[in-house]
Amino acid sequence: MTSDVTFLIHDGFQILDLAGPMAAFQMAGRIARTEPYRLQVSAPGGGVISSSAGVSVAAEAAPPVRGGTLIVVGGTAPGPASPDLQRSLGDALAASGRIASVCTGAFLLAEAGALDGRRATTHWKYAPLLQRQYPRIRVEADRIFVRDGDTWTSAGISAGIDMALAMIEADLGPAIARETAQMLVVYHRRPGGQSQFSAMLEMQPDSDRMARVLVHARENLAGDLSVERLAEVACLSPRQFARAFRQSTGETPAKAVERLRAEAARELVEKGCQPIEGIAGAVGFGDPERMRRAFVRIYGQPPQALRRLERR
């Protein structure tokens, strides 16, 4: 059975938000050999639509997608939809069986009311704005993509490919999705709950010495990561180390270690293969209650809640 996948674009759309997911669906169709997807690009009124990069794409007039999948493509920055785009999007939403957005496309779905009462994500830079403008949405700012029933949202560019692979897996099974990822030379597949950026990248130490300390910490989460031990790795006194580390990363050593442990723990929690108590020990928290408090501070939810969300 062939299913429509319609990409709704608009003036100033991000070309990779379109091309990445489209390539995933196209490749999956070649691998499956059953023509599972009929791909089309639409825009209000149709015609040639210019992307933010200046590359233009020919689009059809936005038709109903007959119970298929509608993917709303993002642009360089969120903004209100034109009246024509509002009408086209409303018609397409009414006809769609599954809806999705890439990057700032979430703002268009939100403006149409399609995300009210749902969990959603967008590019981390714009997630706070999405939450402020649309308080009825539960924005999960650090996730690569979020599925809430038949409504999917993703962060920008490469995350759209991750979302498309997850859709392909839901439609055609893990074997087709895995081979699609291999042909695209991308991971199969980053879980939706993975952070849009890692703690180590976010801290971005400005010295090789502190970078080595962070690598040591990440590779020895279950070991002794006290200030004294990390100072030894840095070949500094504990006092010198604590001051230099904060100047380099913007974090205290204790907070940095907590974030690294929480990041590793979250991945294990969402995989769902180990008990919470075992995960706490494996990443160095030791006490599950200590890990719970860290999760609430960093992610706003305890480990058990994140595990339940991943299983939905």
C-alpha atoms as a PDB file:
ATOM      1  CA  MET A   1       0.000   0.000   0.000  1.00  0.00           C
ATOM      2  CA  THR A   2       1.373   3.404  -0.991  1.00  0.00           C
ATOM      3  CA  SER A   3       1.134   6.294   1.454  1.00  0.00           C
ATOM      4  CA  ASP A   4       1.429   9.977   0.584  1.00  0.00           C
ATOM      5  CA  VAL A   5       4.178  11.974   2.278  1.00  0.00           C
ATOM      6  CA  THR A   6       3.651  15.665   1.585  1.00  0.00           C
ATOM      7  CA  PHE A   7       6.261  18.279   2.482  1.00  0.00           C
ATOM      8  CA  LEU A   8       4.733  21.719   2.955  1.00  0.00           C
ATOM      9  CA  ILE A   9       7.229  24.478   2.157  1.00  0.00           C
ATOM     10  CA  HIS A  10       7.023  28.267   2.103  1.00  0.00           C
ATOM     11  CA  ASP A  11       9.147  31.259   1.122  1.00  0.00           C
ATOM     12  CA  GLY A  12      12.462  31.161   2.958  1.00  0.00           C
ATOM     13  CA  PHE A  13      12.256  27.489   3.932  1.00  0.00           C
ATOM     14  CA  GLN A  14      15.415  25.652   5.014  1.00  0.00           C
ATOM     15  CA  ILE A  15      16.493  23.452   2.127  1.00  0.00           C
ATOM     16  CA  LEU A  16      18.046  20.725   4.310  1.00  0.00           C
ATOM     17  CA  ASP A  17      14.900  20.473   6.433  1.00  0.00           C
ATOM     18  CA  LEU A  18      13.259  19.304   3.206  1.00  0.00           C
ATOM     19  CA  ALA A  19      16.055  17.378   1.509  1.00  0.00           C
ATOM     20  CA  GLY A  20      17.183  15.272   4.495  1.00  0.00           C
ATOM     21  CA  PRO A  21      13.857  13.655   5.439  1.00  0.00           C
ATOM     22  CA  MET A  22      12.809  13.379   1.789  1.00  0.00           C
ATOM     23  CA  ALA A  23      15.986  11.457   0.979  1.00  0.00           C
ATOM     24  CA  ALA A  24      15.249   9.045   3.832  1.00  0.00           C
ATOM     25  CA  PHE A  25      11.736   8.260   2.561  1.00  0.00           C
ATOM     26  CA  GLN A  26      12.955   7.981  -1.028  1.00  0.00           C
ATOM     27  CA  MET A  27      15.750   5.590  -0.055  1.00  0.00           C
ATOM     28  CA  ALA A  28      13.401   3.479   2.069  1.00  0.00           C
ATOM     29  CA  GLY A  29      11.140   3.104  -0.957  1.00  0.00           C
ATOM     30  CA  ARG A  30      14.021   1.877  -3.098  1.00  0.00           C
ATOM     31  CA  ILE A  31      15.049  -0.637  -0.455  1.00  0.00           C
ATOM     32  CA  ALA A  32      11.514  -1.918   0.190  1.00  0.00           C
ATOM     33  CA  ARG A  33      10.818  -2.262  -3.567  1.00  0.00           C
ATOM     34  CA  THR A  34       7.101  -1.936  -2.913  1.00  0.00           C
ATOM     35  CA  GLU A  35       6.683   1.808  -3.537  1.00  0.00           C
ATOM     36  CA  PRO A  36       5.541   2.433   0.048  1.00  0.00           C
ATOM     37  CA  TYR A  37       5.712   6.216  -0.272  1.00  0.00           C
ATOM     38  CA  ARG A  38       4.507   8.743  -2.830  1.00  0.00           C
ATOM     39  CA  LEU A  39       6.478  11.943  -2.188  1.00  0.00           C
ATOM     40  CA  GLN A  40       5.350  15.434  -3.085  1.00  0.00           C
ATOM     41  CA  VAL A  41       6.303  19.007  -2.254  1.00  0.00           C
ATOM     42  CA  SER A  42       3.527  21.531  -1.904  1.00  0.00           C
ATOM     43  CA  ALA A  43       3.177  25.226  -1.180  1.00  0.00           C
ATOM     44  CA  PRO A  44       0.306  27.702  -1.167  1.00  0.00           C
ATOM     45  CA  GLY A  45      -0.617  28.271  -4.789  1.00  0.00           C
ATOM     46  CA  GLY A  46       2.216  26.052  -6.011  1.00  0.00           C
ATOM     47  CA  GLY A  47       4.990  27.319  -8.255  1.00  0.00           C
ATOM     48  CA  VAL A  48       8.694  27.896  -7.693  1.00  0.00           C
ATOM     49  CA  ILE A  49       9.509  28.564  -4.026  1.00  0.00           C
ATOM     50  CA  SER A  50      12.807  30.113  -2.941  1.00  0.00           C
ATOM     51  CA  SER A  51      14.632  28.647   0.056  1.00  0.00           C
ATOM     52  CA  SER A  52      16.674  30.612   2.585  1.00  0.00           C
ATOM     53  CA  ALA A  53      19.800  29.562   0.657  1.00  0.00           C
ATOM     54  CA  GLY A  54      18.457  30.993  -2.587  1.00  0.00           C
ATOM     55  CA  VAL A  55      17.895  27.546  -4.101  1.00  0.00           C
ATOM     56  CA  SER A  56      14.390  27.236  -5.539  1.00  0.00           C
ATOM     57  CA  VAL A  57      12.125  24.196  -5.550  1.00  0.00           C
ATOM     58  CA  ALA A  58       9.076  23.587  -7.749  1.00  0.00           C
ATOM     59  CA  ALA A  59       6.025  22.859  -5.619  1.00  0.00           C
ATOM     60  CA  GLU A  60       2.490  21.769  -6.338  1.00  0.00           C
ATOM     61  CA  ALA A  61      -0.505  23.697  -5.057  1.00  0.00           C
ATOM     62  CA  ALA A  62      -1.048  22.422  -1.539  1.00  0.00           C
ATOM     63  CA  PRO A  63      -3.570  19.563  -1.808  1.00  0.00           C
ATOM     64  CA  PRO A  64      -5.131  17.448   0.927  1.00  0.00           C
ATOM     65  CA  VAL A  65      -2.812  14.537   1.626  1.00  0.00           C
ATOM     66  CA  ARG A  66      -5.597  11.911   1.785  1.00  0.00           C
ATOM     67  CA  GLY A  67      -4.808  10.429   5.176  1.00  0.00           C
ATOM     68  CA  GLY A  68      -1.065  10.337   4.573  1.00  0.00           C
ATOM     69  CA  THR A  69       1.793  12.133   6.284  1.00  0.00           C
ATOM     70  CA  LEU A  70       2.185  15.901   6.310  1.00  0.00           C
ATOM     71  CA  ILE A  71       5.635  17.295   7.167  1.00  0.00           C
ATOM     72  CA  VAL A  72       5.862  21.042   7.707  1.00  0.00           C
ATOM     73  CA  VAL A  73       9.331  22.291   6.831  1.00  0.00           C
ATOM     74  CA  GLY A  74      11.070  24.968   8.897  1.00  0.00           C
ATOM     75  CA  GLY A  75      12.740  28.202   7.904  1.00  0.00           C
ATOM     76  CA  THR A  76      15.681  30.199   9.182  1.00  0.00           C
ATOM     77  CA  ALA A  77      13.669  31.771  11.992  1.00  0.00           C
ATOM     78  CA  PRO A  78      10.141  31.374  13.361  1.00  0.00           C
ATOM     79  CA  GLY A  79       7.505  33.793  12.179  1.00  0.00           C
ATOM     80  CA  PRO A  80       3.763  34.008  11.636  1.00  0.00           C
ATOM     81  CA  ALA A  81       2.281  32.223   8.649  1.00  0.00           C
ATOM     82  CA  SER A  82       0.872  34.229   5.776  1.00  0.00           C
ATOM     83  CA  PRO A  83      -2.899  33.992   5.271  1.00  0.00           C
ATOM     84  CA  ASP A  84      -2.352  31.739   2.245  1.00  0.00           C
ATOM     85  CA  LEU A  85      -0.078  29.439   4.234  1.00  0.00           C
ATOM     86  CA  GLN A  86      -2.570  29.360   7.108  1.00  0.00           C
ATOM     87  CA  ARG A  87      -5.334  28.244   4.752  1.00  0.00           C
ATOM     88  CA  SER A  88      -3.174  25.637   3.023  1.00  0.00           C
ATOM     89  CA  LEU A  89      -1.934  24.263   6.314  1.00  0.00           C
ATOM     90  CA  GLY A  90      -5.437  24.103   7.756  1.00  0.00           C
ATOM     91  CA  ASP A  91      -6.713  22.144   4.753  1.00  0.00           C
ATOM     92  CA  ALA A  92      -3.744  19.764   4.848  1.00  0.00           C
ATOM     93  CA  LEU A  93      -4.060  19.178   8.598  1.00  0.00           C
ATOM     94  CA  ALA A  94      -7.737  18.318   8.229  1.00  0.00           C
ATOM     95  CA  ALA A  95      -6.891  15.635   5.653  1.00  0.00           C
ATOM     96  CA  SER A  96      -3.722  14.205   7.216  1.00  0.00           C
ATOM     97  CA  GLY A  97      -3.387  11.002   9.182  1.00  0.00           C
ATOM     98  CA  ARG A  98       0.057  11.799  10.578  1.00  0.00           C
ATOM     99  CA  ILE A  99       1.548  15.272  11.003  1.00  0.00           C
ATOM    100  CA  ALA A 100       5.110  16.346  11.631  1.00  0.00           C
ATOM    101  CA  SER A 101       7.420  19.333  11.614  1.00  0.00           C
ATOM    102  CA  VAL A 102      11.117  19.902  11.163  1.00  0.00           C
ATOM    103  CA  CYS A 103      12.848  22.631  13.172  1.00  0.00           C
ATOM    104  CA  THR A 104      10.841  25.893  13.219  1.00  0.00           C
ATOM    105  CA  GLY A 105       8.023  24.214  11.336  1.00  0.00           C
ATOM    106  CA  ALA A 106       6.762  23.498  14.853  1.00  0.00           C
ATOM    107  CA  PHE A 107       5.761  27.169  15.127  1.00  0.00           C
ATOM    108  CA  LEU A 108       3.462  26.782  12.125  1.00  0.00           C
ATOM    109  CA  LEU A 109       1.823  23.695  13.629  1.00  0.00           C
ATOM    110  CA  ALA A 110       1.530  25.523  16.951  1.00  0.00           C
ATOM    111  CA  GLU A 111      -0.049  28.575  15.321  1.00  0.00           C
ATOM    112  CA  ALA A 112      -2.636  26.261  13.750  1.00  0.00           C
ATOM    113  CA  GLY A 113      -3.412  24.745  17.170  1.00  0.00           C
ATOM    114  CA  ALA A 114      -2.151  21.314  16.118  1.00  0.00           C
ATOM    115  CA  LEU A 115       0.229  21.011  19.085  1.00  0.00           C
ATOM    116  CA  ASP A 116      -2.112  22.164  21.864  1.00  0.00           C
ATOM    117  CA  GLY A 117      -1.895  19.810  24.833  1.00  0.00           C
ATOM    118  CA  ARG A 118       0.918  17.826  23.226  1.00  0.00           C
ATOM    119  CA  ARG A 119       4.612  17.253  23.790  1.00  0.00           C
ATOM    120  CA  ALA A 120       6.807  18.805  21.119  1.00  0.00           C
ATOM    121  CA  THR A 121      10.292  20.016  20.317  1.00  0.00           C
ATOM    122  CA  THR A 122      12.089  22.354  17.943  1.00  0.00           C
ATOM    123  CA  HIS A 123      15.615  23.682  17.487  1.00  0.00           C
ATOM    124  CA  TRP A 124      17.105  24.351  20.923  1.00  0.00           C
ATOM    125  CA  LYS A 125      17.674  28.030  20.067  1.00  0.00           C
ATOM    126  CA  TYR A 126      13.947  28.615  19.591  1.00  0.00           C
ATOM    127  CA  ALA A 127      12.494  26.195  22.154  1.00  0.00           C
ATOM    128  CA  PRO A 128      12.064  28.844  24.903  1.00  0.00           C
ATOM    129  CA  LEU A 129      10.245  31.103  22.430  1.00  0.00           C
ATOM    130  CA  LEU A 130       7.946  28.260  21.390  1.00  0.00           C
ATOM    131  CA  GLN A 131       7.078  27.625  25.037  1.00  0.00           C
ATOM    132  CA  ARG A 132       6.439  31.325  25.747  1.00  0.00           C
ATOM    133  CA  GLN A 133       4.289  31.895  22.692  1.00  0.00           C
ATOM    134  CA  TYR A 134       2.310  28.652  23.023  1.00  0.00           C
ATOM    135  CA  PRO A 135       2.047  27.767  26.721  1.00  0.00           C
ATOM    136  CA  ARG A 136      -0.426  24.937  26.036  1.00  0.00           C
ATOM    137  CA  ILE A 137       2.408  22.945  24.453  1.00  0.00           C
ATOM    138  CA  ARG A 138       4.774  20.923  26.605  1.00  0.00           C
ATOM    139  CA  VAL A 139       8.077  21.815  24.941  1.00  0.00           C
ATOM    140  CA  GLU A 140      10.902  19.318  25.471  1.00  0.00           C
ATOM    141  CA  ALA A 141      13.772  21.529  24.450  1.00  0.00           C
ATOM    142  CA  ASP A 142      16.672  19.085  24.505  1.00  0.00           C
ATOM    143  CA  ARG A 143      15.144  16.217  22.521  1.00  0.00           C
ATOM    144  CA  ILE A 144      16.063  15.375  18.928  1.00  0.00           C
ATOM    145  CA  PHE A 145      12.486  14.475  18.072  1.00  0.00           C
ATOM    146  CA  VAL A 146       9.260  13.866  19.940  1.00  0.00           C
ATOM    147  CA  ARG A 147       6.396  11.581  19.024  1.00  0.00           C
ATOM    148  CA  ASP A 148       3.053  12.232  20.683  1.00  0.00           C
ATOM    149  CA  GLY A 149       0.569   9.851  19.096  1.00  0.00           C
ATOM    150  CA  ASP A 150       0.366  10.680  15.388  1.00  0.00           C
ATOM    151  CA  THR A 151       2.036  14.053  15.914  1.00  0.00           C
ATOM    152  CA  TRP A 152       5.798  14.253  15.458  1.00  0.00           C
ATOM    153  CA  THR A 153       8.161  17.201  15.859  1.00  0.00           C
ATOM    154  CA  SER A 154      11.923  17.373  15.442  1.00  0.00           C
ATOM    155  CA  ALA A 155      14.845  19.677  15.961  1.00  0.00           C
ATOM    156  CA  GLY A 156      16.652  21.096  12.949  1.00  0.00           C
ATOM    157  CA  ILE A 157      18.221  19.630   9.821  1.00  0.00           C
ATOM    158  CA  SER A 158      19.875  16.302  10.771  1.00  0.00           C
ATOM    159  CA  ALA A 159      17.214  15.658  13.419  1.00  0.00           C
ATOM    160  CA  GLY A 160      14.644  15.624  10.634  1.00  0.00           C
ATOM    161  CA  ILE A 161      16.433  12.582   9.216  1.00  0.00           C
ATOM    162  CA  ASP A 162      16.291  10.876  12.630  1.00  0.00           C
ATOM    163  CA  MET A 163      12.549  11.537  12.778  1.00  0.00           C
ATOM    164  CA  ALA A 164      12.052  10.228   9.236  1.00  0.00           C
ATOM    165  CA  LEU A 165      13.973   7.041  10.076  1.00  0.00           C
ATOM    166  CA  ALA A 166      11.774   6.522  13.127  1.00  0.00           C
ATOM    167  CA  MET A 167       8.668   6.946  10.955  1.00  0.00           C
ATOM    168  CA  ILE A 168      10.077   4.475   8.426  1.00  0.00           C
ATOM    169  CA  GLU A 169      10.727   1.993  11.231  1.00  0.00           C
ATOM    170  CA  ALA A 170       7.140   2.401  12.442  1.00  0.00           C
ATOM    171  CA  ASP A 171       5.812   1.909   8.885  1.00  0.00           C
ATOM    172  CA  LEU A 172       8.130  -0.720   7.404  1.00  0.00           C
ATOM    173  CA  GLY A 173      10.009  -2.262  10.314  1.00  0.00           C
ATOM    174  CA  PRO A 174      13.503  -1.928  11.798  1.00  0.00           C
ATOM    175  CA  ALA A 175      15.324  -3.815   9.005  1.00  0.00           C
ATOM    176  CA  ILE A 176      14.264  -1.334   6.308  1.00  0.00           C
ATOM    177  CA  ALA A 177      15.008   1.619   8.586  1.00  0.00           C
ATOM    178  CA  ARG A 178      18.446   0.222   9.422  1.00  0.00           C
ATOM    179  CA  GLU A 179      19.365  -0.335   5.777  1.00  0.00           C
ATOM    180  CA  THR A 180      18.069   3.127   4.910  1.00  0.00           C
ATOM    181  CA  ALA A 181      20.347   4.642   7.540  1.00  0.00           C
ATOM    182  CA  GLN A 182      23.286   2.659   6.211  1.00  0.00           C
ATOM    183  CA  MET A 183      22.676   3.869   2.661  1.00  0.00           C
ATOM    184  CA  LEU A 184      22.430   7.460   3.907  1.00  0.00           C
ATOM    185  CA  VAL A 185      25.598   6.945   5.996  1.00  0.00           C
ATOM    186  CA  VAL A 186      23.913   8.109   9.190  1.00  0.00           C
ATOM    187  CA  TYR A 187      23.410   6.491  12.568  1.00  0.00           C
ATOM    188  CA  HIS A 188      20.532   4.063  12.913  1.00  0.00           C
ATOM    189  CA  ARG A 189      19.157   5.698  14.732  1.00  0.00           C
ATOM    190  CA  ARG A 190      19.650   8.337  17.395  1.00  0.00           C
ATOM    191  CA  PRO A 191      16.825   7.928  19.908  1.00  0.00           C
ATOM    192  CA  GLY A 192      14.386  10.811  20.081  1.00  0.00           C
ATOM    193  CA  GLY A 193      15.280  11.424  23.707  1.00  0.00           C
ATOM    194  CA  GLN A 194      18.929  12.035  22.963  1.00  0.00           C
ATOM    195  CA  SER A 195      20.014  15.577  23.770  1.00  0.00           C
ATOM    196  CA  GLN A 196      20.407  18.018  20.877  1.00  0.00           C
ATOM    197  CA  PHE A 197      23.892  18.763  22.200  1.00  0.00           C
ATOM    198  CA  SER A 198      26.133  17.017  24.704  1.00  0.00           C
ATOM    199  CA  ALA A 199      27.208  18.366  28.069  1.00  0.00           C
ATOM    200  CA  MET A 200      30.855  18.233  27.014  1.00  0.00           C
ATOM    201  CA  LEU A 201      30.202  20.245  23.874  1.00  0.00           C
ATOM    202  CA  GLU A 202      28.112  22.773  25.741  1.00  0.00           C
ATOM    203  CA  MET A 203      30.838  23.397  28.333  1.00  0.00           C
ATOM    204  CA  GLN A 204      33.475  23.874  25.605  1.00  0.00           C
ATOM    205  CA  PRO A 205      36.602  24.243  27.745  1.00  0.00           C
ATOM    206  CA  ASP A 206      39.036  26.789  26.366  1.00  0.00           C
ATOM    207  CA  SER A 207      42.166  24.899  27.441  1.00  0.00           C
ATOM    208  CA  ASP A 208      43.552  21.500  26.521  1.00  0.00           C
ATOM    209  CA  ARG A 209      44.191  20.789  30.196  1.00  0.00           C
ATOM    210  CA  MET A 210      40.526  21.168  31.124  1.00  0.00           C
ATOM    211  CA  ALA A 211      39.444  19.263  28.021  1.00  0.00           C
ATOM    212  CA  ARG A 212      41.573  16.335  29.202  1.00  0.00           C
ATOM    213  CA  VAL A 213      39.894  16.526  32.602  1.00  0.00           C
ATOM    214  CA  LEU A 214      36.441  16.319  31.018  1.00  0.00           C
ATOM    215  CA  VAL A 215      37.460  13.365  28.865  1.00  0.00           C
ATOM    216  CA  HIS A 216      38.834  11.610  31.948  1.00  0.00           C
ATOM    217  CA  ALA A 217      35.583  12.294  33.815  1.00  0.00           C
ATOM    218  CA  ARG A 218      33.410  11.054  30.946  1.00  0.00           C
ATOM    219  CA  GLU A 219      35.436   7.844  30.701  1.00  0.00           C
ATOM    220  CA  ASN A 220      35.432   7.193  34.469  1.00  0.00           C
ATOM    221  CA  LEU A 221      31.930   8.146  35.581  1.00  0.00           C
ATOM    222  CA  ALA A 222      31.728   5.368  38.151  1.00  0.00           C
ATOM    223  CA  GLY A 223      35.122   6.200  39.657  1.00  0.00           C
ATOM    224  CA  ASP A 224      36.488   8.863  41.971  1.00  0.00           C
ATOM    225  CA  LEU A 225      35.740  12.236  40.387  1.00  0.00           C
ATOM    226  CA  SER A 226      36.353  14.407  43.427  1.00  0.00           C
ATOM    227  CA  VAL A 227      38.006  17.795  43.027  1.00  0.00           C
ATOM    228  CA  GLU A 228      41.177  16.295  44.474  1.00  0.00           C
ATOM    229  CA  ARG A 229      41.289  13.480  41.895  1.00  0.00           C
ATOM    230  CA  LEU A 230      40.481  15.762  38.965  1.00  0.00           C
ATOM    231  CA  ALA A 231      43.131  18.204  40.163  1.00  0.00           C
ATOM    232  CA  GLU A 232      45.656  15.366  39.936  1.00  0.00           C
ATOM    233  CA  VAL A 233      44.612  14.741  36.338  1.00  0.00           C
ATOM    234  CA  ALA A 234      45.123  18.440  35.619  1.00  0.00           C
ATOM    235  CA  CYS A 235      48.465  18.527  37.516  1.00  0.00           C
ATOM    236  CA  LEU A 236      47.214  21.415  39.658  1.00  0.00           C
ATOM    237  CA  SER A 237      46.444  21.928  43.315  1.00  0.00           C
ATOM    238  CA  PRO A 238      42.750  21.468  44.177  1.00  0.00           C
ATOM    239  CA  ARG A 239      42.335  25.190  44.738  1.00  0.00           C
ATOM    240  CA  GLN A 240      44.059  26.146  41.483  1.00  0.00           C
ATOM    241  CA  PHE A 241      42.111  23.488  39.615  1.00  0.00           C
ATOM    242  CA  ALA A 242      38.685  24.538  40.900  1.00  0.00           C
ATOM    243  CA  ARG A 243      39.334  28.151  39.922  1.00  0.00           C
ATOM    244  CA  ALA A 244      40.801  27.286  36.507  1.00  0.00           C
ATOM    245  CA  PHE A 245      38.036  24.797  35.707  1.00  0.00           C
ATOM    246  CA  ARG A 246      35.280  27.306  36.375  1.00  0.00           C
ATOM    247  CA  GLN A 247      37.036  29.985  34.358  1.00  0.00           C
ATOM    248  CA  SER A 248      37.431  27.572  31.447  1.00  0.00           C
ATOM    249  CA  THR A 249      33.986  25.935  31.406  1.00  0.00           C
ATOM    250  CA  GLY A 250      31.655  28.208  33.353  1.00  0.00           C
ATOM    251  CA  GLU A 251      30.825  25.287  35.668  1.00  0.00           C
ATOM    252  CA  THR A 252      32.079  24.090  39.015  1.00  0.00           C
ATOM    253  CA  PRO A 253      33.724  20.652  38.843  1.00  0.00           C
ATOM    254  CA  ALA A 254      30.898  19.130  40.888  1.00  0.00           C
ATOM    255  CA  LYS A 255      28.173  20.495  38.594  1.00  0.00           C
ATOM    256  CA  ALA A 256      30.066  19.386  35.498  1.00  0.00           C
ATOM    257  CA  VAL A 257      30.455  15.847  36.815  1.00  0.00           C
ATOM    258  CA  GLU A 258      26.777  15.754  37.759  1.00  0.00           C
ATOM    259  CA  ARG A 259      25.767  16.777  34.234  1.00  0.00           C
ATOM    260  CA  LEU A 260      28.033  14.191  32.621  1.00  0.00           C
ATOM    261  CA  ARG A 261      26.635  11.458  34.862  1.00  0.00           C
ATOM    262  CA  ALA A 262      23.055  12.557  34.242  1.00  0.00           C
ATOM    263  CA  GLU A 263      23.588  12.565  30.478  1.00  0.00           C
ATOM    264  CA  ALA A 264      24.968   9.012  30.537  1.00  0.00           C
ATOM    265  CA  ALA A 265      22.218   7.890  32.906  1.00  0.00           C
ATOM    266  CA  ARG A 266      19.447   9.358  30.762  1.00  0.00           C
ATOM    267  CA  GLU A 267      20.506   7.310  27.746  1.00  0.00           C
ATOM    268  CA  LEU A 268      20.378   4.122  29.846  1.00  0.00           C
ATOM    269  CA  VAL A 269      17.088   5.107  31.468  1.00  0.00           C
ATOM    270  CA  GLU A 270      15.380   5.643  28.118  1.00  0.00           C
ATOM    271  CA  LYS A 271      16.677   2.369  26.704  1.00  0.00           C
ATOM    272  CA  GLY A 272      14.741   0.722  29.535  1.00  0.00           C
ATOM    273  CA  CYS A 273      16.989  -2.332  29.886  1.00  0.00           C
ATOM    274  CA  GLN A 274      18.344  -1.749  33.398  1.00  0.00           C
ATOM    275  CA  PRO A 275      16.718  -0.938  36.718  1.00  0.00           C
ATOM    276  CA  ILE A 276      17.081   2.618  37.941  1.00  0.00           C
ATOM    277  CA  GLU A 277      19.139   1.486  40.928  1.00  0.00           C
ATOM    278  CA  GLY A 278      21.644  -0.280  38.680  1.00  0.00           C
ATOM    279  CA  ILE A 279      21.981   2.744  36.425  1.00  0.00           C
ATOM    280  CA  ALA A 280      22.656   5.011  39.402  1.00  0.00           C
ATOM    281  CA  GLY A 281      25.547   2.787  40.400  1.00  0.00           C
ATOM    282  CA  ALA A 282      26.888   2.342  36.873  1.00  0.00           C
ATOM    283  CA  VAL A 283      27.287   6.067  36.215  1.00  0.00           C
ATOM    284  CA  GLY A 284      28.612   7.005  39.640  1.00  0.00           C
ATOM    285  CA  PHE A 285      25.568   8.464  41.366  1.00  0.00           C
ATOM    286  CA  GLY A 286      25.505   5.495  43.731  1.00  0.00           C
ATOM    287  CA  ASP A 287      22.288   6.480  45.457  1.00  0.00           C
ATOM    288  CA  PRO A 288      19.145   6.430  43.231  1.00  0.00           C
ATOM    289  CA  GLU A 289      17.709   9.348  45.203  1.00  0.00           C
ATOM    290  CA  ARG A 290      20.789  11.411  44.397  1.00  0.00           C
ATOM    291  CA  MET A 291      20.288  10.601  40.730  1.00  0.00           C
ATOM    292  CA  ARG A 292      16.605  11.492  40.954  1.00  0.00           C
ATOM    293  CA  ARG A 293      17.407  14.924  42.381  1.00  0.00           C
ATOM    294  CA  ALA A 294      19.968  15.525  39.636  1.00  0.00           C
ATOM    295  CA  PHE A 295      17.424  14.572  36.921  1.00  0.00           C
ATOM    296  CA  VAL A 296      14.820  16.933  38.355  1.00  0.00           C
ATOM    297  CA  ARG A 297      17.339  19.785  38.418  1.00  0.00           C
ATOM    298  CA  ILE A 298      18.661  19.167  34.900  1.00  0.00           C
ATOM    299  CA  TYR A 299      15.693  17.697  32.994  1.00  0.00           C
ATOM    300  CA  GLY A 300      12.766  18.813  35.119  1.00  0.00           C
ATOM    301  CA  GLN A 301      11.581  15.220  35.609  1.00  0.00           C
ATOM    302  CA  PRO A 302      12.697  12.147  37.561  1.00  0.00           C
ATOM    303  CA  PRO A 303      14.162   9.122  35.732  1.00  0.00           C
ATOM    304  CA  GLN A 304      10.966   7.081  35.984  1.00  0.00           C
ATOM    305  CA  ALA A 305       8.968   9.797  34.202  1.00  0.00           C
ATOM    306  CA  LEU A 306      11.453   9.982  31.338  1.00  0.00           C
ATOM    307  CA  ARG A 307      11.358   6.206  30.961  1.00  0.00           C
ATOM    308  CA  ARG A 308       7.553   6.249  30.773  1.00  0.00           C
ATOM    309  CA  LEU A 309       7.617   8.992  28.120  1.00  0.00           C
ATOM    310  CA  GLU A 310      10.073   7.010  25.983  1.00  0.00           C
ATOM    311  CA  ARG A 311       7.783   3.961  26.093  1.00  0.00           C
ATOM    312  CA  ARG A 312       4.708   5.850  24.879  1.00  0.00           C
END
